[in-house]
Protein backbone atom coordinates (compact mmCIF):
# COMPACT_ATOMS: atom_id res chain seq x y z
CA MET A 1 11.24 17.39 20.09
CA ILE A 2 9.95 14.85 17.46
CA VAL A 3 6.55 14.59 16.89
CA ASN A 4 6.01 12.18 14.56
CA LEU A 5 9.08 10.04 14.47
CA TRP A 6 8.19 7.69 11.86
CA GLY A 7 7.20 10.56 9.48
CA TYR A 8 9.71 12.78 7.31
CA ARG A 9 9.80 16.02 8.99
CA GLU A 10 7.94 18.38 6.78
CA THR A 11 11.16 20.95 6.49
CA SER A 12 13.52 17.52 5.90
CA GLY A 13 12.97 18.77 2.21
CA ARG A 14 11.80 15.32 1.32
CA LEU A 15 10.28 14.69 -2.15
CA GLU A 16 7.22 12.31 -2.71
CA GLY A 17 8.16 9.84 -4.86
CA VAL A 18 12.74 10.29 -5.43
CA ASP A 19 14.49 7.15 -4.60
CA LEU A 20 16.36 7.90 -1.74
CA THR A 21 18.22 4.25 -2.59
CA GLY A 22 21.99 4.58 -2.31
CA TYR A 23 22.24 8.22 -1.59
CA LYS A 24 25.41 8.63 2.07
CA VAL A 25 23.97 9.08 5.41
CA GLU A 26 25.81 11.80 7.01
CA ALA A 27 25.40 12.00 11.64
CA VAL A 28 26.19 15.31 12.80
CA ASP A 29 29.36 14.03 13.75
CA GLY A 30 30.28 12.03 10.50
CA THR A 31 29.05 9.40 7.43
CA ILE A 32 27.62 6.10 8.84
CA GLY A 33 27.04 4.82 5.55
CA LYS A 34 24.35 4.37 1.72
CA VAL A 35 20.69 4.13 2.20
CA ASP A 36 19.34 0.70 1.04
CA LYS A 37 16.52 0.63 1.23
CA HIS A 38 13.75 2.99 3.19
CA SER A 39 9.86 3.74 2.87
CA ASP A 40 7.33 6.52 2.65
CA GLU A 41 4.51 4.70 4.31
CA VAL A 42 2.71 6.60 5.90
CA GLY A 43 3.50 6.31 10.02
CA ALA A 44 6.30 3.31 9.40
CA ALA A 45 9.03 5.55 7.49
CA TYR A 46 12.31 4.42 7.70
CA LEU A 47 15.73 4.01 6.24
CA VAL A 48 17.45 1.14 6.47
CA VAL A 49 21.33 1.89 6.33
CA ASP A 50 24.47 0.10 4.60
CA THR A 51 27.05 0.49 7.22
CA GLY A 52 29.31 -0.73 5.18
CA PRO A 53 33.17 -1.19 7.61
CA TRP A 54 32.47 2.00 9.84
CA ILE A 55 30.35 -1.69 11.87
CA PHE A 56 31.68 -3.99 9.97
CA GLY A 57 29.10 -3.93 7.71
CA LYS A 58 26.11 -4.34 9.83
CA GLU A 59 22.78 -2.53 8.28
CA VAL A 60 20.93 0.30 10.87
CA LEU A 61 17.16 1.35 11.38
CA LEU A 62 16.40 4.75 11.14
CA PRO A 63 13.26 6.76 11.64
CA ALA A 64 11.95 8.89 8.94
CA GLY A 65 11.85 11.36 12.33
CA THR A 66 15.66 11.74 12.36
CA VAL A 67 16.05 13.20 9.35
CA SER A 68 16.82 16.43 9.41
CA ARG A 69 17.62 17.61 5.97
CA ILE A 70 18.12 15.29 1.99
CA ASP A 71 20.38 17.00 -0.01
CA PRO A 72 18.53 15.65 -3.37
CA GLU A 73 21.71 17.09 -5.38
CA GLU A 74 24.96 15.62 -3.63
CA GLN A 75 22.05 13.14 -2.41
CA LYS A 76 22.71 13.56 1.04
CA ILE A 77 20.46 12.50 4.13
CA HIS A 78 21.67 14.04 6.91
CA VAL A 79 20.11 12.92 10.52
CA ASP A 80 20.42 14.95 13.57
CA ARG A 81 22.12 12.07 16.14
CA THR A 82 25.68 11.41 16.66
CA ARG A 83 27.72 8.19 15.33
CA ASP A 84 27.77 6.77 18.78
CA GLN A 85 24.38 6.90 19.31
CA ILE A 86 23.52 5.02 15.77
CA LYS A 87 25.98 2.27 17.09
CA HIS A 88 24.65 1.56 19.56
CA ALA A 89 21.17 1.16 18.76
CA PRO A 90 18.78 -1.79 18.86
CA GLU A 91 20.52 -4.27 16.61
CA PHE A 92 19.37 -4.99 13.19
CA VAL A 93 18.31 -7.60 11.21
CA LYS A 94 16.54 -7.21 7.81
CA ASP A 95 14.71 -10.63 7.54
CA ARG A 96 13.69 -10.49 10.95
CA HIS A 97 12.37 -6.44 11.70
CA LEU A 98 10.47 -5.04 8.92
CA GLY A 99 7.10 -4.79 8.98
CA ASP A 100 8.28 -6.09 13.03
CA ALA A 101 5.63 -4.04 15.22
CA ASP A 102 7.68 -4.50 18.63
CA TYR A 103 11.22 -3.78 16.98
CA HIS A 104 9.30 -0.44 15.91
CA ARG A 105 8.28 0.29 19.10
CA VAL A 106 11.59 -0.35 20.58
CA ILE A 107 13.23 2.11 17.90
CA GLY A 108 11.07 4.13 18.63
CA VAL A 109 11.97 4.66 22.10
CA TYR A 110 15.87 4.53 21.92
CA TYR A 111 15.40 7.45 18.99
CA GLY A 112 12.99 9.43 20.70
CA SER A 113 14.56 9.29 24.61
CA ALA A 114 17.84 9.92 22.50
CA PRO A 115 18.83 13.54 23.15
CA GLU A 116 18.70 15.77 19.53
CA HIS A 117 22.77 17.34 18.61
CA ARG A 118 22.11 20.85 18.88
CA ALA A 119 24.42 22.99 16.61
């Protein structure tokens, strides 16, 4: 279970000050897109992922706590959720939801209650 969904795990390999924009994002069962924006704000860290053609060019917001591993050499971020879990997450609209505490609560409940994938 993730204790702080809005913070990177110590074991994720997150390097402070490294820009993750453009990194590919991999769910446990395949690619979901590339990082369009990210925040390292303490207690509110997240990734905004552009899904490209996978979900018709929509963006999704992933709390930093869903990140299981970051590979800076391959510029890939691995998350511990399935493509289906991410696809069915609450809708993200950049202009409305960035910085919206109510939306972050809804996302936190969704990803906090979504079972983690166990390999």
